[in-house]
Amino acid sequence: MELVYTEKRIVKPSAFGPPEKGCFGVDDDQQSTTWDKCREQFAARFNEASRGLFFCHDTNEGNRIASFLVKTEQVIGIADRRKSYSTFAETDRANILWIGPSSFWMESEIKRQLLTIVLRQGMNYNPDKDNYEDALWMPDGVGNSYAAKTKLAVTRFLYGFTDYVPPDASSAWGNFNNKVGWVTIFENKSEEIVRARLIAPEGEPRQPCVIGVGKLWG
């Protein structure tokens, strides 16, 4: 797998001190970087217009996260949708990676929510061993099990069913008073509900498969 690294980035100081492992920061024009430990707080500031994000990890292990993210994009098949893979940059701090997410992730908030889960799971990944599935389902680098708790939805998403349908079709994902994240939507949900909430993008018909009828990938 070939990773694309761009020019080295400088991380602006934070008024609240350095970030902890697993924290996210928006790459913006503010004078300082605001770090979020909570994924959903970060999601409230990270939007389709953001040019990139910073992610804090163990020292000198940014390549794990970058490799895992691009591997995930390959599994989903974003290149078949004429989307470029995410890009990366080292920073002036050995424990912070800059990510320029693929336009695929920037298309909706639900995708950006999952992106934060994927980045944290990437801390488990060993590119040499290519332990992708183990890295995906074990607790992430800060001890959360968000991927495993929503395994049905993550699995269906990886099969390419990446468009989210809210329970009320008249409501837009980004327009509620109470923010609801990926885990709240999909944790402990039945296969039937997951199939209804995640569908194939328009214009990408799926070939019927007898084995897959009524299943996550069908």
Protein backbone atom coordinates (compact mmCIF):
# COMPACT_ATOMS: atom_id res chain seq x y z
CA MET A 1 0.00 0.00 0.00
CA GLU A 2 1.41 3.38 -0.99
CA LEU A 3 0.80 6.25 1.41
CA VAL A 4 0.91 9.84 0.20
CA TYR A 5 2.76 12.21 2.54
CA THR A 6 2.74 15.94 1.90
CA GLU A 7 4.81 18.80 3.28
CA LYS A 8 5.51 18.72 7.00
CA ARG A 9 3.00 20.65 9.16
CA ILE A 10 3.54 22.81 12.21
CA VAL A 11 1.18 22.22 15.12
CA LYS A 12 0.12 25.42 16.81
CA PRO A 13 0.36 25.43 20.61
CA SER A 14 -2.71 24.91 22.73
CA ALA A 15 -3.75 27.21 25.56
CA PHE A 16 -4.67 24.12 27.57
CA GLY A 17 -1.40 22.23 27.19
CA PRO A 18 -0.36 19.34 24.96
CA PRO A 19 -2.93 16.77 23.82
CA GLU A 20 -3.34 13.26 25.18
CA LYS A 21 -3.14 10.16 23.00
CA GLY A 22 -6.36 9.75 20.98
CA CYS A 23 -7.17 13.47 20.87
CA PHE A 24 -8.28 15.26 17.70
CA GLY A 25 -7.63 18.81 16.54
CA VAL A 26 -9.00 20.71 13.55
CA ASP A 27 -6.46 22.23 11.17
CA ASP A 28 -7.83 25.77 10.94
CA ASP A 29 -6.75 29.41 10.96
CA GLN A 30 -7.10 29.92 14.71
CA GLN A 31 -4.08 31.11 16.68
CA SER A 32 -3.98 27.91 18.72
CA THR A 33 -5.05 24.30 18.30
CA THR A 34 -8.07 23.16 20.28
CA TRP A 35 -7.83 19.49 21.21
CA ASP A 36 -10.86 17.26 21.77
CA LYS A 37 -10.73 13.98 23.64
CA CYS A 38 -14.42 13.43 22.96
CA ARG A 39 -15.07 12.36 19.38
CA GLU A 40 -18.52 13.92 19.26
CA GLN A 41 -17.28 17.28 20.54
CA PHE A 42 -14.67 17.16 17.80
CA ALA A 43 -17.33 16.26 15.22
CA ALA A 44 -19.23 19.43 16.12
CA ARG A 45 -16.25 21.49 14.90
CA PHE A 46 -14.96 19.26 12.11
CA ASN A 47 -17.09 19.76 9.00
CA GLU A 48 -17.10 19.40 5.22
CA ALA A 49 -15.14 22.64 4.84
CA SER A 50 -12.28 21.60 7.14
CA ARG A 51 -8.97 21.18 5.32
CA GLY A 52 -7.62 18.52 7.63
CA LEU A 53 -7.15 17.34 11.18
CA PHE A 54 -4.43 16.49 13.66
CA PHE A 55 -4.43 13.22 15.58
CA CYS A 56 -2.34 12.48 18.67
CA HIS A 57 -0.83 9.00 18.97
CA ASP A 58 2.13 7.22 20.54
CA THR A 59 5.53 8.66 19.58
CA ASN A 60 6.68 7.76 16.07
CA GLU A 61 3.64 5.58 15.34
CA GLY A 62 1.77 7.78 12.88
CA ASN A 63 2.42 5.29 10.10
CA ARG A 64 0.19 2.76 11.87
CA ILE A 65 -2.78 5.13 11.68
CA ALA A 66 -2.09 6.22 8.11
CA SER A 67 -1.71 2.63 6.89
CA PHE A 68 -4.88 1.51 8.66
CA LEU A 69 -6.95 4.36 7.24
CA VAL A 70 -5.84 3.73 3.66
CA LYS A 71 -6.37 -0.01 4.13
CA THR A 72 -9.92 0.78 5.24
CA GLU A 73 -10.44 2.96 2.17
CA GLN A 74 -9.22 0.09 -0.01
CA VAL A 75 -11.62 -2.34 1.68
CA ILE A 76 -14.52 0.05 1.04
CA GLY A 77 -13.37 0.57 -2.53
CA ILE A 78 -13.37 4.35 -2.66
CA ALA A 79 -11.09 4.33 -5.71
CA ASP A 80 -13.90 2.62 -7.62
CA ARG A 81 -16.00 5.67 -6.79
CA ARG A 82 -13.31 7.93 -8.26
CA LYS A 83 -12.28 9.19 -4.85
CA SER A 84 -8.67 9.78 -3.89
CA TYR A 85 -7.21 8.17 -0.80
CA SER A 86 -6.52 10.25 2.28
CA THR A 87 -3.18 12.02 2.50
CA PHE A 88 -0.89 12.55 5.46
CA ALA A 89 1.90 14.72 6.78
CA GLU A 90 4.40 14.44 9.56
CA THR A 91 4.38 17.35 11.99
CA ASP A 92 6.93 19.04 14.20
CA ARG A 93 5.76 16.69 16.96
CA ALA A 94 6.58 12.99 16.76
CA ASN A 95 3.28 12.04 18.38
CA ILE A 96 0.97 14.02 16.10
CA LEU A 97 -0.08 13.09 12.57
CA TRP A 98 -1.81 15.41 10.10
CA ILE A 99 -4.53 13.82 7.99
CA GLY A 100 -6.09 15.23 4.85
CA PRO A 101 -9.19 13.03 4.69
CA SER A 102 -10.40 11.73 1.36
CA SER A 103 -13.41 13.61 0.02
CA PHE A 104 -15.26 10.35 0.68
CA TRP A 105 -15.17 10.99 4.44
CA MET A 106 -16.08 14.64 4.08
CA GLU A 107 -19.39 13.98 2.34
CA SER A 108 -21.43 13.57 5.51
CA GLU A 109 -21.20 13.85 9.27
CA ILE A 110 -21.95 10.17 9.76
CA LYS A 111 -18.85 9.32 7.71
CA ARG A 112 -16.74 11.80 9.67
CA GLN A 113 -18.03 10.22 12.90
CA LEU A 114 -16.85 6.80 11.73
CA LEU A 115 -13.53 8.30 10.58
CA THR A 116 -12.66 9.22 14.16
CA ILE A 117 -13.33 5.62 15.24
CA VAL A 118 -11.17 4.28 12.40
CA LEU A 119 -8.27 6.57 13.33
CA ARG A 120 -8.27 5.36 16.92
CA GLN A 121 -8.50 1.71 15.85
CA GLY A 122 -5.49 2.38 13.65
CA MET A 123 -3.31 2.64 16.74
CA ASN A 124 -3.64 -1.17 16.99
CA TYR A 125 -2.50 -1.82 13.44
CA ASN A 126 0.84 -3.36 12.50
CA PRO A 127 1.45 -2.83 8.75
CA ASP A 128 4.15 -5.52 8.71
CA LYS A 129 1.77 -8.17 10.08
CA ASP A 130 -1.30 -6.65 8.37
CA ASN A 131 -3.44 -7.54 11.39
CA TYR A 132 -6.35 -5.52 10.02
CA GLU A 133 -9.28 -7.44 11.49
CA ASP A 134 -7.69 -7.82 14.91
CA ALA A 135 -6.88 -4.12 14.94
CA LEU A 136 -10.41 -3.22 13.90
CA TRP A 137 -12.31 -5.16 16.56
CA MET A 138 -10.06 -4.97 19.64
CA PRO A 139 -10.38 -2.01 22.04
CA ASP A 140 -8.80 1.05 20.46
CA GLY A 141 -5.60 2.76 21.55
CA VAL A 142 -7.34 4.53 24.43
CA GLY A 143 -9.46 1.59 25.59
CA ASN A 144 -12.78 2.19 23.83
CA SER A 145 -14.66 -0.53 21.93
CA TYR A 146 -16.78 1.62 19.64
CA ALA A 147 -16.03 -0.46 16.54
CA ALA A 148 -16.85 -3.74 18.27
CA LYS A 149 -20.00 -2.27 19.85
CA THR A 150 -21.27 -1.34 16.38
CA LYS A 151 -19.80 -4.32 14.52
CA LEU A 152 -22.86 -4.91 12.33
CA ALA A 153 -22.86 -1.31 11.09
CA VAL A 154 -19.08 -1.13 10.61
CA THR A 155 -19.15 -4.41 8.68
CA ARG A 156 -21.97 -3.28 6.42
CA PHE A 157 -20.20 0.05 5.82
CA LEU A 158 -17.03 -1.78 4.82
CA TYR A 159 -19.05 -3.77 2.29
CA GLY A 160 -19.79 -0.45 0.58
CA PHE A 161 -23.18 0.47 2.05
CA THR A 162 -22.00 3.91 3.05
CA ASP A 163 -25.02 6.21 2.72
CA TYR A 164 -26.93 6.89 5.92
CA VAL A 165 -30.74 7.05 5.98
CA PRO A 166 -32.16 8.70 9.14
CA PRO A 167 -35.23 7.10 10.75
CA ASP A 168 -37.26 10.11 9.61
CA ALA A 169 -36.43 10.70 5.95
CA SER A 170 -37.50 14.34 6.29
CA SER A 171 -34.77 15.08 8.81
CA ALA A 172 -31.20 15.90 7.87
CA TRP A 173 -28.29 14.37 9.76
CA GLY A 174 -26.72 17.67 10.60
CA ASN A 175 -29.84 19.45 11.74
CA PHE A 176 -30.78 18.19 15.17
CA ASN A 177 -30.75 20.05 18.42
CA ASN A 178 -29.30 17.01 20.18
CA LYS A 179 -26.23 15.60 18.51
CA VAL A 180 -26.39 11.86 17.97
CA GLY A 181 -23.28 9.95 17.02
CA TRP A 182 -22.39 6.71 15.27
CA VAL A 183 -22.38 4.66 18.48
CA THR A 184 -25.74 5.96 19.68
CA ILE A 185 -27.29 5.20 16.29
CA PHE A 186 -25.89 1.70 15.80
CA GLU A 187 -25.03 0.15 19.16
CA ASN A 188 -27.23 -2.90 19.94
CA LYS A 189 -29.27 -2.41 16.77
CA SER A 190 -30.63 -5.38 14.86
CA GLU A 191 -29.35 -6.44 11.47
CA GLU A 192 -32.66 -5.32 9.99
CA ILE A 193 -32.25 -1.77 11.33
CA VAL A 194 -28.60 -1.58 10.24
CA ARG A 195 -29.56 -2.65 6.73
CA ALA A 196 -32.27 0.02 6.63
CA ARG A 197 -29.97 2.79 7.92
CA LEU A 198 -26.95 2.06 5.68
CA ILE A 199 -27.60 1.71 1.97
CA ALA A 200 -25.54 1.61 -1.21
CA PRO A 201 -24.87 5.04 -2.75
CA GLU A 202 -27.26 6.04 -5.51
CA GLY A 203 -26.08 4.84 -8.89
CA GLU A 204 -24.22 1.87 -7.44
CA PRO A 205 -26.63 -1.03 -7.85
CA ARG A 206 -25.60 -4.26 -6.17
CA GLN A 207 -25.72 -7.55 -8.00
CA PRO A 208 -28.14 -9.91 -6.24
CA CYS A 209 -26.46 -12.83 -4.50
CA VAL A 210 -28.39 -15.82 -3.18
CA ILE A 211 -25.94 -16.19 -0.28
CA GLY A 212 -26.26 -12.53 0.58
CA VAL A 213 -30.04 -12.15 0.42
CA GLY A 214 -31.21 -10.58 3.66
CA LYS A 215 -27.67 -10.32 5.01
CA LEU A 216 -25.44 -7.36 5.83
CA TRP A 217 -23.82 -7.40 2.41
CA GLY A 218 -27.03 -8.01 0.44
